[in-house]
PDB file of all heavy atoms in Angstrom:
ATOM      1  N   ARG A   1      79.543  73.870-195.660  1.00  0.00           N
ATOM      2  CA  ARG A   1      78.130  74.253-195.683  1.00  0.00           C
ATOM      3  C   ARG A   1      77.265  73.013-195.453  1.00  0.00           C
ATOM      4  O   ARG A   1      77.487  71.965-196.047  1.00  0.00           O
ATOM      5  CB  ARG A   1      77.802  74.881-197.038  1.00  0.00           C
ATOM      6  CG  ARG A   1      76.319  75.148-197.280  1.00  0.00           C
ATOM      7  CD  ARG A   1      76.101  75.777-198.641  1.00  0.00           C
ATOM      8  NE  ARG A   1      76.649  74.957-199.717  1.00  0.00           N
ATOM      9  CZ  ARG A   1      75.985  73.958-200.305  1.00  0.00           C
ATOM     10  NH1 ARG A   1      74.775  73.624-199.881  1.00  0.00           N
ATOM     11  NH2 ARG A   1      76.546  73.278-201.289  1.00  0.00           N
ATOM     12  N   VAL A   2      76.266  73.158-194.588  1.00  0.00           N
ATOM     13  CA  VAL A   2      75.373  72.028-194.302  1.00  0.00           C
ATOM     14  C   VAL A   2      74.407  71.845-195.463  1.00  0.00           C
ATOM     15  O   VAL A   2      73.731  72.791-195.885  1.00  0.00           O
ATOM     16  CB  VAL A   2      74.590  72.262-193.001  1.00  0.00           C
ATOM     17  CG1 VAL A   2      73.599  71.128-192.775  1.00  0.00           C
ATOM     18  CG2 VAL A   2      75.541  72.388-191.824  1.00  0.00           C
ATOM     19  N   SER A   3      74.355  70.647-195.982  1.00  0.00           N
ATOM     20  CA  SER A   3      73.429  70.321-197.062  1.00  0.00           C
ATOM     21  C   SER A   3      72.484  69.218-196.588  1.00  0.00           C
ATOM     22  O   SER A   3      72.922  68.220-196.004  1.00  0.00           O
ATOM     23  CB  SER A   3      74.190  69.846-198.300  1.00  0.00           C
ATOM     24  OG  SER A   3      73.297  69.299-199.250  1.00  0.00           O
ATOM     25  N   TYR A   4      71.186  69.409-196.834  1.00  0.00           N
ATOM     26  CA  TYR A   4      70.211  68.365-196.554  1.00  0.00           C
ATOM     27  C   TYR A   4      69.811  67.620-197.833  1.00  0.00           C
ATOM     28  O   TYR A   4      68.718  67.054-197.920  1.00  0.00           O
ATOM     29  CB  TYR A   4      68.978  68.955-195.879  1.00  0.00           C
ATOM     30  CG  TYR A   4      69.217  69.378-194.436  1.00  0.00           C
ATOM     31  CD1 TYR A   4      68.408  70.317-193.824  1.00  0.00           C
ATOM     32  CD2 TYR A   4      70.243  68.817-193.685  1.00  0.00           C
ATOM     33  CE1 TYR A   4      68.617  70.700-192.506  1.00  0.00           C
ATOM     34  CE2 TYR A   4      70.470  69.189-192.375  1.00  0.00           C
ATOM     35  CZ  TYR A   4      69.652  70.136-191.786  1.00  0.00           C
ATOM     36  OH  TYR A   4      69.869  70.508-190.470  1.00  0.00           O
ATOM     37  N   ASP A   5      70.702  67.640-198.804  1.00  0.00           N
ATOM     38  CA  ASP A   5      70.522  66.818-200.000  1.00  0.00           C
ATOM     39  C   ASP A   5      71.022  65.415-199.644  1.00  0.00           C
ATOM     40  O   ASP A   5      72.118  64.992-200.034  1.00  0.00           O
ATOM     41  CB  ASP A   5      71.304  67.413-201.166  1.00  0.00           C
ATOM     42  CG  ASP A   5      71.001  66.711-202.486  1.00  0.00           C
ATOM     43  OD1 ASP A   5      70.256  65.714-202.465  1.00  0.00           O
ATOM     44  OD2 ASP A   5      71.532  67.155-203.521  1.00  0.00           O
ATOM     45  N   TYR A   6      70.188  64.688-198.891  1.00  0.00           N
ATOM     46  CA  TYR A   6      70.626  63.433-198.283  1.00  0.00           C
ATOM     47  C   TYR A   6      70.999  62.360-199.303  1.00  0.00           C
ATOM     48  O   TYR A   6      71.770  61.451-198.979  1.00  0.00           O
ATOM     49  CB  TYR A   6      69.531  62.905-197.356  1.00  0.00           C
ATOM     50  CG  TYR A   6      69.317  63.737-196.115  1.00  0.00           C
ATOM     51  CD1 TYR A   6      68.195  64.545-195.981  1.00  0.00           C
ATOM     52  CD2 TYR A   6      70.233  63.705-195.067  1.00  0.00           C
ATOM     53  CE1 TYR A   6      67.986  65.303-194.835  1.00  0.00           C
ATOM     54  CE2 TYR A   6      70.030  64.462-193.916  1.00  0.00           C
ATOM     55  CZ  TYR A   6      68.910  65.262-193.810  1.00  0.00           C
ATOM     56  OH  TYR A   6      68.707  66.009-192.674  1.00  0.00           O
ATOM     57  N   ASP A   7      70.443  62.438-200.509  1.00  0.00           N
ATOM     58  CA  ASP A   7      70.786  61.432-201.513  1.00  0.00           C
ATOM     59  C   ASP A   7      72.275  61.438-201.840  1.00  0.00           C
ATOM     60  O   ASP A   7      72.805  60.446-202.346  1.00  0.00           O
ATOM     61  CB  ASP A   7      69.984  61.674-202.792  1.00  0.00           C
ATOM     62  CG  ASP A   7      68.524  61.271-202.638  1.00  0.00           C
ATOM     63  OD1 ASP A   7      68.264  60.354-201.834  1.00  0.00           O
ATOM     64  OD2 ASP A   7      67.668  61.876-203.284  1.00  0.00           O
ATOM     65  N   LYS A   8      72.953  62.544-201.565  1.00  0.00           N
ATOM     66  CA  LYS A   8      74.397  62.628-201.815  1.00  0.00           C
ATOM     67  C   LYS A   8      75.213  62.244-200.582  1.00  0.00           C
ATOM     68  O   LYS A   8      76.443  62.299-200.608  1.00  0.00           O
ATOM     69  CB  LYS A   8      74.772  64.040-202.265  1.00  0.00           C
ATOM     70  CG  LYS A   8      74.198  64.443-203.627  1.00  0.00           C
ATOM     71  CD  LYS A   8      74.663  65.824-204.018  1.00  0.00           C
ATOM     72  CE  LYS A   8      74.250  66.163-205.447  1.00  0.00           C
ATOM     73  NZ  LYS A   8      72.795  66.198-205.626  1.00  0.00           N
ATOM     74  N   LEU A   9      74.534  61.844-199.501  1.00  0.00           N
ATOM     75  CA  LEU A   9      75.219  61.574-198.236  1.00  0.00           C
ATOM     76  C   LEU A   9      75.097  60.119-197.818  1.00  0.00           C
ATOM     77  O   LEU A   9      75.229  59.802-196.622  1.00  0.00           O
ATOM     78  CB  LEU A   9      74.648  62.473-197.125  1.00  0.00           C
ATOM     79  CG  LEU A   9      74.666  63.982-197.388  1.00  0.00           C
ATOM     80  CD1 LEU A   9      73.999  64.733-196.243  1.00  0.00           C
ATOM     81  CD2 LEU A   9      76.100  64.468-197.574  1.00  0.00           C
ATOM     82  N   ASN A  10      74.849  59.229-198.777  1.00  0.00           N
ATOM     83  CA  ASN A  10      74.697  57.825-198.397  1.00  0.00           C
ATOM     84  C   ASN A  10      75.258  56.903-199.471  1.00  0.00           C
ATOM     85  O   ASN A  10      75.568  57.333-200.576  1.00  0.00           O
ATOM     86  CB  ASN A  10      73.232  57.492-198.108  1.00  0.00           C
ATOM     87  CG  ASN A  10      72.334  57.711-199.312  1.00  0.00           C
ATOM     88  OD1 ASN A  10      72.724  57.443-200.448  1.00  0.00           O
ATOM     89  ND2 ASN A  10      71.119  58.190-199.077  1.00  0.00           N
ATOM     90  N   ILE A  11      75.393  55.646-199.101  1.00  0.00           N
ATOM     91  CA  ILE A  11      75.740  54.562-200.020  1.00  0.00           C
ATOM     92  C   ILE A  11      74.495  53.701-200.159  1.00  0.00           C
ATOM     93  O   ILE A  11      73.952  53.211-199.159  1.00  0.00           O
ATOM     94  CB  ILE A  11      76.916  53.723-199.490  1.00  0.00           C
ATOM     95  CG1 ILE A  11      78.148  54.611-199.270  1.00  0.00           C
ATOM     96  CG2 ILE A  11      77.226  52.582-200.448  1.00  0.00           C
ATOM     97  CD1 ILE A  11      78.678  55.287-200.507  1.00  0.00           C
ATOM     98  N   ALA A  12      74.041  53.501-201.375  1.00  0.00           N
ATOM     99  CA  ALA A  12      72.710  52.936-201.612  1.00  0.00           C
ATOM    100  C   ALA A  12      72.509  51.563-200.977  1.00  0.00           C
ATOM    101  O   ALA A  12      71.416  51.243-200.513  1.00  0.00           O
ATOM    102  CB  ALA A  12      72.430  52.881-203.106  1.00  0.00           C
ATOM    103  N   ASN A  13      73.544  50.718-200.960  1.00  0.00           N
ATOM    104  CA  ASN A  13      73.332  49.367-200.421  1.00  0.00           C
ATOM    105  C   ASN A  13      73.975  49.169-199.045  1.00  0.00           C
ATOM    106  O   ASN A  13      74.242  48.040-198.636  1.00  0.00           O
ATOM    107  CB  ASN A  13      73.820  48.300-201.396  1.00  0.00           C
ATOM    108  CG  ASN A  13      75.329  48.368-201.623  1.00  0.00           C
ATOM    109  OD1 ASN A  13      75.983  49.338-201.249  1.00  0.00           O
ATOM    110  ND2 ASN A  13      75.877  47.317-202.240  1.00  0.00           N
ATOM    111  N   SER A  14      74.194  50.255-198.305  1.00  0.00           N
ATOM    112  CA  SER A  14      74.662  50.119-196.924  1.00  0.00           C
ATOM    113  C   SER A  14      73.470  49.797-196.022  1.00  0.00           C
ATOM    114  O   SER A  14      72.312  50.064-196.360  1.00  0.00           O
ATOM    115  CB  SER A  14      75.345  51.405-196.463  1.00  0.00           C
ATOM    116  OG  SER A  14      74.427  52.482-196.447  1.00  0.00           O
ATOM    117  N   PHE A  15      73.755  49.242-194.861  1.00  0.00           N
ATOM    118  CA  PHE A  15      72.681  48.940-193.907  1.00  0.00           C
ATOM    119  C   PHE A  15      73.275  48.706-192.525  1.00  0.00           C
ATOM    120  O   PHE A  15      74.474  48.454-192.365  1.00  0.00           O
ATOM    121  CB  PHE A  15      71.870  47.712-194.342  1.00  0.00           C
ATOM    122  CG  PHE A  15      72.670  46.448-194.444  1.00  0.00           C
ATOM    123  CD1 PHE A  15      72.908  45.653-193.327  1.00  0.00           C
ATOM    124  CD2 PHE A  15      73.194  46.046-195.663  1.00  0.00           C
ATOM    125  CE1 PHE A  15      73.656  44.484-193.425  1.00  0.00           C
ATOM    126  CE2 PHE A  15      73.944  44.880-195.769  1.00  0.00           C
ATOM    127  CZ  PHE A  15      74.171  44.094-194.648  1.00  0.00           C
ATOM    128  N   TYR A  16      72.401  48.797-191.546  1.00  0.00           N
ATOM    129  CA  TYR A  16      72.751  48.452-190.167  1.00  0.00           C
ATOM    130  C   TYR A  16      71.574  47.677-189.600  1.00  0.00           C
ATOM    131  O   TYR A  16      70.473  48.221-189.428  1.00  0.00           O
ATOM    132  CB  TYR A  16      73.020  49.709-189.342  1.00  0.00           C
ATOM    133  CG  TYR A  16      73.472  49.416-187.931  1.00  0.00           C
ATOM    134  CD1 TYR A  16      74.733  48.910-187.696  1.00  0.00           C
ATOM    135  CD2 TYR A  16      72.630  49.631-186.846  1.00  0.00           C
ATOM    136  CE1 TYR A  16      75.161  48.627-186.412  1.00  0.00           C
ATOM    137  CE2 TYR A  16      73.048  49.355-185.557  1.00  0.00           C
ATOM    138  CZ  TYR A  16      74.311  48.861-185.349  1.00  0.00           C
ATOM    139  OH  TYR A  16      74.734  48.569-184.067  1.00  0.00           O
ATOM    140  N   ALA A  17      71.771  46.387-189.341  1.00  0.00           N
ATOM    141  CA  ALA A  17      70.691  45.498-188.928  1.00  0.00           C
ATOM    142  C   ALA A  17      70.946  44.973-187.522  1.00  0.00           C
ATOM    143  O   ALA A  17      72.075  44.596-187.185  1.00  0.00           O
ATOM    144  CB  ALA A  17      70.563  44.324-189.905  1.00  0.00           C
ATOM    145  N   THR A  18      69.897  44.952-186.710  1.00  0.00           N
ATOM    146  CA  THR A  18      70.033  44.493-185.326  1.00  0.00           C
ATOM    147  C   THR A  18      68.827  43.653-184.920  1.00  0.00           C
ATOM    148  O   THR A  18      67.712  43.850-185.424  1.00  0.00           O
ATOM    149  CB  THR A  18      70.149  45.674-184.340  1.00  0.00           C
ATOM    150  OG1 THR A  18      68.982  46.502-184.440  1.00  0.00           O
ATOM    151  CG2 THR A  18      71.384  46.506-184.623  1.00  0.00           C
ATOM    152  N   ARG A  19      69.096  42.739-184.030  1.00  0.00           N
ATOM    153  CA  ARG A  19      68.039  42.011-183.325  1.00  0.00           C
ATOM    154  C   ARG A  19      68.280  42.201-181.832  1.00  0.00           C
ATOM    155  O   ARG A  19      69.340  41.838-181.321  1.00  0.00           O
ATOM    156  CB  ARG A  19      68.059  40.525-183.672  1.00  0.00           C
ATOM    157  CG  ARG A  19      67.537  40.198-185.055  1.00  0.00           C
ATOM    158  CD  ARG A  19      67.629  38.698-185.322  1.00  0.00           C
ATOM    159  NE  ARG A  19      67.020  38.326-186.576  1.00  0.00           N
ATOM    160  CZ  ARG A  19      67.037  37.091-187.086  1.00  0.00           C
ATOM    161  NH1 ARG A  19      67.663  36.126-186.426  1.00  0.00           N
ATOM    162  NH2 ARG A  19      66.459  36.824-188.223  1.00  0.00           N
ATOM    163  N   THR A  20      67.305  42.784-181.156  1.00  0.00           N
ATOM    164  CA  THR A  20      67.456  43.133-179.748  1.00  0.00           C
ATOM    165  C   THR A  20      66.407  42.408-178.922  1.00  0.00           C
ATOM    166  O   THR A  20      65.218  42.429-179.255  1.00  0.00           O
ATOM    167  CB  THR A  20      67.310  44.655-179.547  1.00  0.00           C
ATOM    168  OG1 THR A  20      68.223  45.330-180.409  1.00  0.00           O
ATOM    169  CG2 THR A  20      67.593  45.045-178.114  1.00  0.00           C
ATOM    170  N   LEU A  21      66.844  41.783-177.837  1.00  0.00           N
ATOM    171  CA  LEU A  21      65.951  41.050-176.943  1.00  0.00           C
ATOM    172  C   LEU A  21      66.242  41.461-175.505  1.00  0.00           C
ATOM    173  O   LEU A  21      67.402  41.524-175.090  1.00  0.00           O
ATOM    174  CB  LEU A  21      66.163  39.537-177.098  1.00  0.00           C
ATOM    175  CG  LEU A  21      65.404  38.634-176.110  1.00  0.00           C
ATOM    176  CD1 LEU A  21      63.897  38.720-176.356  1.00  0.00           C
ATOM    177  CD2 LEU A  21      65.892  37.191-176.208  1.00  0.00           C
ATOM    178  N   ALA A  22      65.184  41.758-174.762  1.00  0.00           N
ATOM    179  CA  ALA A  22      65.317  42.075-173.336  1.00  0.00           C
ATOM    180  C   ALA A  22      64.241  41.325-172.564  1.00  0.00           C
ATOM    181  O   ALA A  22      63.052  41.464-172.861  1.00  0.00           O
ATOM    182  CB  ALA A  22      65.184  43.573-173.100  1.00  0.00           C
ATOM    183  N   THR A  23      64.662  40.507-171.601  1.00  0.00           N
ATOM    184  CA  THR A  23      63.726  39.733-170.795  1.00  0.00           C
ATOM    185  C   THR A  23      64.047  39.902-169.319  1.00  0.00           C
ATOM    186  O   THR A  23      65.192  40.161-168.945  1.00  0.00           O
ATOM    187  CB  THR A  23      63.786  38.234-171.142  1.00  0.00           C
ATOM    188  OG1 THR A  23      65.078  37.724-170.779  1.00  0.00           O
ATOM    189  CG2 THR A  23      63.556  38.004-172.625  1.00  0.00           C
ATOM    190  N   ALA A  24      63.025  39.763-168.492  1.00  0.00           N
ATOM    191  CA  ALA A  24      63.217  39.816-167.042  1.00  0.00           C
ATOM    192  C   ALA A  24      62.082  39.074-166.371  1.00  0.00           C
ATOM    193  O   ALA A  24      60.952  39.026-166.881  1.00  0.00           O
ATOM    194  CB  ALA A  24      63.254  41.264-166.547  1.00  0.00           C
ATOM    195  N   THR A  25      62.377  38.490-165.243  1.00  0.00           N
ATOM    196  CA  THR A  25      61.353  37.841-164.434  1.00  0.00           C
ATOM    197  C   THR A  25      61.751  37.950-162.968  1.00  0.00           C
ATOM    198  O   THR A  25      62.944  38.111-162.653  1.00  0.00           O
ATOM    199  CB  THR A  25      61.158  36.367-164.835  1.00  0.00           C
ATOM    200  OG1 THR A  25      60.044  35.827-164.110  1.00  0.00           O
ATOM    201  CG2 THR A  25      62.398  35.536-164.539  1.00  0.00           C
ATOM    202  N   GLY A  26      60.764  37.881-162.096  1.00  0.00           N
ATOM    203  CA  GLY A  26      61.095  38.021-160.691  1.00  0.00           C
ATOM    204  C   GLY A  26      59.924  37.726-159.776  1.00  0.00           C
ATOM    205  O   GLY A  26      58.777  37.559-160.216  1.00  0.00           O
ATOM    206  N   LEU A  27      60.234  37.650-158.486  1.00  0.00           N
ATOM    207  CA  LEU A  27      59.246  37.445-157.430  1.00  0.00           C
ATOM    208  C   LEU A  27      59.344  38.578-156.422  1.00  0.00           C
ATOM    209  O   LEU A  27      60.450  38.971-156.026  1.00  0.00           O
ATOM    210  CB  LEU A  27      59.485  36.112-156.712  1.00  0.00           C
ATOM    211  CG  LEU A  27      59.092  34.828-157.447  1.00  0.00           C
ATOM    212  CD1 LEU A  27      59.607  33.619-156.680  1.00  0.00           C
ATOM    213  CD2 LEU A  27      57.571  34.748-157.611  1.00  0.00           C
ATOM    214  N   ASP A  28      58.183  39.101-156.010  1.00  0.00           N
ATOM    215  CA  ASP A  28      58.107  40.084-154.935  1.00  0.00           C
ATOM    216  C   ASP A  28      57.370  39.452-153.766  1.00  0.00           C
ATOM    217  O   ASP A  28      56.245  38.956-153.921  1.00  0.00           O
ATOM    218  CB  ASP A  28      57.345  41.333-155.396  1.00  0.00           C
ATOM    219  CG  ASP A  28      58.142  42.159-156.364  1.00  0.00           C
ATOM    220  OD1 ASP A  28      59.332  42.389-156.108  1.00  0.00           O
ATOM    221  OD2 ASP A  28      57.570  42.579-157.391  1.00  0.00           O
ATOM    222  N   TRP A  29      57.982  39.502-152.603  1.00  0.00           N
ATOM    223  CA  TRP A  29      57.386  38.874-151.423  1.00  0.00           C
ATOM    224  C   TRP A  29      57.443  39.855-150.258  1.00  0.00           C
ATOM    225  O   TRP A  29      58.531  40.239-149.807  1.00  0.00           O
ATOM    226  CB  TRP A  29      58.141  37.585-151.078  1.00  0.00           C
ATOM    227  CG  TRP A  29      57.626  36.889-149.848  1.00  0.00           C
ATOM    228  CD1 TRP A  29      56.342  36.855-149.390  1.00  0.00           C
ATOM    229  CD2 TRP A  29      58.394  36.117-148.927  1.00  0.00           C
ATOM    230  NE1 TRP A  29      56.243  36.117-148.245  1.00  0.00           N
ATOM    231  CE2 TRP A  29      57.505  35.638-147.936  1.00  0.00           C
ATOM    232  CE3 TRP A  29      59.748  35.765-148.860  1.00  0.00           C
ATOM    233  CZ2 TRP A  29      57.929  34.853-146.873  1.00  0.00           C
ATOM    234  CZ3 TRP A  29      60.167  34.976-147.809  1.00  0.00           C
ATOM    235  CH2 TRP A  29      59.270  34.525-146.825  1.00  0.00           C
ATOM    236  N   ALA A  30      56.271  40.272-149.788  1.00  0.00           N
ATOM    237  CA  ALA A  30      56.187  41.103-148.584  1.00  0.00           C
ATOM    238  C   ALA A  30      56.098  40.158-147.389  1.00  0.00           C
ATOM    239  O   ALA A  30      55.015  39.765-146.965  1.00  0.00           O
ATOM    240  CB  ALA A  30      54.969  42.017-148.655  1.00  0.00           C
TER     241      ALA A  30
END
């Protein structure tokens, strides 16, 4: 049975941490 009692579906001190970087540079010449 699907339960949305989310407090029972986690570990209190778990985490997922990320640092994301995206860079681009360029020249357009007609």
